[in-house]
Amino acid sequence: MKRILLATFVIMAMFATAVGAQNDIEKKKIEFLISSVQNLKGAIFIRNGSEYDGKKAAEHLRLKLKNAGSHVQTADDFIKLCASKSYITGQPYLIKFPDGKTITSEKYLRDKLKEYNSNLK
């Protein structure tokens, strides 16, 4: 009986450690994504028709992340739930680059996430 309890404890501890490590990886990915928006030089973040610099955009994304709480477990969750569109209006967030090119924040962040993941390999 003691062996079964000990084995169960060891398995649970290993699972908890793996989950914790996964959470840390996802938190790093999310912070990378937010920082990539914050550090965009000369780009404009467009939310509900209003323009913001990278710093203001990052502040907004961090606030949405905080408000989402446990609903955001992964970087993908962050992109879907916090960083792609307005919760209130449903309008997509846009990023306008200095050359005039405009893309959705979702596309930008998904490309950045691919870049991050490819650097892990």
C-alpha atoms as a PDB file:
ATOM      1  CA  MET A   1       0.000   0.000   0.000  1.00  0.00           C
ATOM      2  CA  LYS A   2       2.838   2.377   0.837  1.00  0.00           C
ATOM      3  CA  ARG A   3       4.417   1.704  -2.561  1.00  0.00           C
ATOM      4  CA  ILE A   4       1.193   2.600  -4.349  1.00  0.00           C
ATOM      5  CA  LEU A   5       0.869   5.835  -2.396  1.00  0.00           C
ATOM      6  CA  LEU A   6       4.508   6.703  -3.006  1.00  0.00           C
ATOM      7  CA  ALA A   7       4.210   5.954  -6.729  1.00  0.00           C
ATOM      8  CA  THR A   8       1.054   8.060  -6.944  1.00  0.00           C
ATOM      9  CA  PHE A   9       2.788  10.940  -5.164  1.00  0.00           C
ATOM     10  CA  VAL A  10       5.817  10.752  -7.478  1.00  0.00           C
ATOM     11  CA  ILE A  11       3.637  10.714 -10.598  1.00  0.00           C
ATOM     12  CA  MET A  12       1.592  13.673  -9.341  1.00  0.00           C
ATOM     13  CA  ALA A  13       4.753  15.631  -8.521  1.00  0.00           C
ATOM     14  CA  MET A  14       6.184  14.951 -11.979  1.00  0.00           C
ATOM     15  CA  PHE A  15       2.922  16.062 -13.615  1.00  0.00           C
ATOM     16  CA  ALA A  16       2.797  19.261 -11.531  1.00  0.00           C
ATOM     17  CA  THR A  17       6.397  20.064 -12.468  1.00  0.00           C
ATOM     18  CA  ALA A  18       5.695  19.488 -16.162  1.00  0.00           C
ATOM     19  CA  VAL A  19       2.585  21.685 -16.034  1.00  0.00           C
ATOM     20  CA  GLY A  20       4.517  24.413 -14.230  1.00  0.00           C
ATOM     21  CA  ALA A  21       7.289  24.322 -16.810  1.00  0.00           C
ATOM     22  CA  GLN A  22       4.722  24.499 -19.619  1.00  0.00           C
ATOM     23  CA  ASN A  23       3.085  27.505 -17.957  1.00  0.00           C
ATOM     24  CA  ASP A  24       6.449  29.267 -17.728  1.00  0.00           C
ATOM     25  CA  ILE A  25       7.130  28.637 -21.418  1.00  0.00           C
ATOM     26  CA  GLU A  26       3.720  30.002 -22.396  1.00  0.00           C
ATOM     27  CA  LYS A  27       4.166  33.064 -20.159  1.00  0.00           C
ATOM     28  CA  LYS A  28       7.489  33.766 -21.877  1.00  0.00           C
ATOM     29  CA  LYS A  29       5.854  33.431 -25.282  1.00  0.00           C
ATOM     30  CA  ILE A  30       3.077  35.838 -24.303  1.00  0.00           C
ATOM     31  CA  GLU A  31       5.546  38.379 -22.942  1.00  0.00           C
ATOM     32  CA  PHE A  32       7.583  38.057 -26.155  1.00  0.00           C
ATOM     33  CA  LEU A  33       4.450  38.811 -28.185  1.00  0.00           C
ATOM     34  CA  ILE A  34       3.515  41.833 -26.088  1.00  0.00           C
ATOM     35  CA  SER A  35       7.087  43.134 -26.182  1.00  0.00           C
ATOM     36  CA  SER A  36       7.178  42.769 -29.952  1.00  0.00           C
ATOM     37  CA  VAL A  37       4.184  45.116 -30.175  1.00  0.00           C
ATOM     38  CA  GLN A  38       5.658  47.501 -27.611  1.00  0.00           C
ATOM     39  CA  ASN A  39       8.955  47.749 -29.499  1.00  0.00           C
ATOM     40  CA  LEU A  40       7.537  48.318 -32.977  1.00  0.00           C
ATOM     41  CA  LYS A  41       9.350  51.370 -34.320  1.00  0.00           C
ATOM     42  CA  GLY A  42       7.147  53.869 -36.149  1.00  0.00           C
ATOM     43  CA  ALA A  43       4.182  51.517 -36.313  1.00  0.00           C
ATOM     44  CA  ILE A  44       0.685  52.400 -35.193  1.00  0.00           C
ATOM     45  CA  PHE A  45      -1.648  50.044 -33.363  1.00  0.00           C
ATOM     46  CA  ILE A  46      -5.268  50.678 -34.376  1.00  0.00           C
ATOM     47  CA  ARG A  47      -8.006  49.748 -31.939  1.00  0.00           C
ATOM     48  CA  ASN A  48     -11.641  50.651 -32.654  1.00  0.00           C
ATOM     49  CA  GLY A  49     -10.522  53.298 -35.145  1.00  0.00           C
ATOM     50  CA  SER A  50      -8.156  55.034 -32.703  1.00  0.00           C
ATOM     51  CA  GLU A  51      -4.378  55.023 -33.108  1.00  0.00           C
ATOM     52  CA  TYR A  52      -1.891  54.133 -30.391  1.00  0.00           C
ATOM     53  CA  ASP A  53       1.855  53.760 -30.199  1.00  0.00           C
ATOM     54  CA  GLY A  54       3.444  50.445 -29.268  1.00  0.00           C
ATOM     55  CA  LYS A  55       3.756  51.329 -25.596  1.00  0.00           C
ATOM     56  CA  LYS A  56       0.048  52.144 -25.222  1.00  0.00           C
ATOM     57  CA  ALA A  57      -0.887  49.062 -27.242  1.00  0.00           C
ATOM     58  CA  ALA A  58       1.237  46.848 -24.972  1.00  0.00           C
ATOM     59  CA  GLU A  59      -0.363  48.381 -21.876  1.00  0.00           C
ATOM     60  CA  HIS A  60      -3.794  47.573 -23.295  1.00  0.00           C
ATOM     61  CA  LEU A  61      -2.789  43.994 -24.127  1.00  0.00           C
ATOM     62  CA  ARG A  62      -1.395  43.464 -20.627  1.00  0.00           C
ATOM     63  CA  LEU A  63      -4.637  44.788 -19.131  1.00  0.00           C
ATOM     64  CA  LYS A  64      -6.701  42.428 -21.305  1.00  0.00           C
ATOM     65  CA  LEU A  65      -4.416  39.542 -20.325  1.00  0.00           C
ATOM     66  CA  LYS A  66      -4.860  40.361 -16.655  1.00  0.00           C
ATOM     67  CA  ASN A  67      -8.638  40.602 -17.037  1.00  0.00           C
ATOM     68  CA  ALA A  68      -8.782  37.301 -18.938  1.00  0.00           C
ATOM     69  CA  GLY A  69      -7.263  35.541 -15.944  1.00  0.00           C
ATOM     70  CA  SER A  70      -7.203  31.765 -16.145  1.00  0.00           C
ATOM     71  CA  HIS A  71      -8.945  31.757 -19.548  1.00  0.00           C
ATOM     72  CA  VAL A  72      -5.526  32.374 -21.098  1.00  0.00           C
ATOM     73  CA  GLN A  73      -3.299  29.336 -20.683  1.00  0.00           C
ATOM     74  CA  THR A  74      -1.247  29.522 -23.876  1.00  0.00           C
ATOM     75  CA  ALA A  75       0.137  32.060 -26.323  1.00  0.00           C
ATOM     76  CA  ASP A  76      -2.525  30.920 -28.773  1.00  0.00           C
ATOM     77  CA  ASP A  77      -5.217  31.675 -26.172  1.00  0.00           C
ATOM     78  CA  PHE A  78      -3.671  35.114 -25.699  1.00  0.00           C
ATOM     79  CA  ILE A  79      -3.808  35.859 -29.422  1.00  0.00           C
ATOM     80  CA  LYS A  80      -7.404  34.624 -29.751  1.00  0.00           C
ATOM     81  CA  LEU A  81      -8.841  36.076 -26.561  1.00  0.00           C
ATOM     82  CA  CYS A  82      -6.843  39.250 -25.964  1.00  0.00           C
ATOM     83  CA  ALA A  83      -4.846  40.465 -28.924  1.00  0.00           C
ATOM     84  CA  SER A  84      -6.879  40.012 -32.105  1.00  0.00           C
ATOM     85  CA  LYS A  85      -9.999  42.091 -31.727  1.00  0.00           C
ATOM     86  CA  SER A  86     -12.043  44.320 -29.501  1.00  0.00           C
ATOM     87  CA  TYR A  87     -14.137  42.401 -27.025  1.00  0.00           C
ATOM     88  CA  ILE A  88     -16.754  45.178 -27.115  1.00  0.00           C
ATOM     89  CA  THR A  89     -17.048  45.983 -30.847  1.00  0.00           C
ATOM     90  CA  GLY A  90     -15.615  42.832 -32.410  1.00  0.00           C
ATOM     91  CA  GLN A  91     -13.436  44.982 -34.695  1.00  0.00           C
ATOM     92  CA  PRO A  92     -10.045  43.460 -35.458  1.00  0.00           C
ATOM     93  CA  TYR A  93      -6.961  45.204 -34.119  1.00  0.00           C
ATOM     94  CA  LEU A  94      -4.676  46.460 -36.872  1.00  0.00           C
ATOM     95  CA  ILE A  95      -1.017  47.376 -37.102  1.00  0.00           C
ATOM     96  CA  LYS A  96       0.003  50.032 -39.616  1.00  0.00           C
ATOM     97  CA  PHE A  97       3.694  50.079 -40.472  1.00  0.00           C
ATOM     98  CA  PRO A  98       5.707  53.156 -41.450  1.00  0.00           C
ATOM     99  CA  ASP A  99       5.578  52.100 -45.125  1.00  0.00           C
ATOM    100  CA  GLY A 100       1.758  52.239 -44.992  1.00  0.00           C
ATOM    101  CA  LYS A 101       1.240  48.476 -45.001  1.00  0.00           C
ATOM    102  CA  THR A 102      -1.528  47.440 -42.606  1.00  0.00           C
ATOM    103  CA  ILE A 103      -2.134  43.937 -41.248  1.00  0.00           C
ATOM    104  CA  THR A 104      -4.252  42.477 -38.483  1.00  0.00           C
ATOM    105  CA  SER A 105      -2.592  42.134 -35.121  1.00  0.00           C
ATOM    106  CA  GLU A 106      -3.567  38.465 -35.243  1.00  0.00           C
ATOM    107  CA  LYS A 107      -1.455  37.877 -38.362  1.00  0.00           C
ATOM    108  CA  TYR A 108       1.434  39.868 -36.924  1.00  0.00           C
ATOM    109  CA  LEU A 109       1.346  37.972 -33.610  1.00  0.00           C
ATOM    110  CA  ARG A 110       0.954  34.553 -35.227  1.00  0.00           C
ATOM    111  CA  ASP A 111       4.000  35.289 -37.409  1.00  0.00           C
ATOM    112  CA  LYS A 112       5.934  36.397 -34.307  1.00  0.00           C
ATOM    113  CA  LEU A 113       4.875  33.246 -32.457  1.00  0.00           C
ATOM    114  CA  LYS A 114       6.128  31.092 -35.363  1.00  0.00           C
ATOM    115  CA  GLU A 115       9.411  33.012 -35.229  1.00  0.00           C
ATOM    116  CA  TYR A 116       9.686  32.429 -31.477  1.00  0.00           C
ATOM    117  CA  ASN A 117       8.905  28.718 -31.790  1.00  0.00           C
ATOM    118  CA  SER A 118      11.374  28.233 -34.642  1.00  0.00           C
ATOM    119  CA  ASN A 119      14.114  29.771 -32.499  1.00  0.00           C
ATOM    120  CA  LEU A 120      13.424  27.170 -29.794  1.00  0.00           C
ATOM    121  CA  LYS A 121      14.408  24.323 -32.110  1.00  0.00           C
END
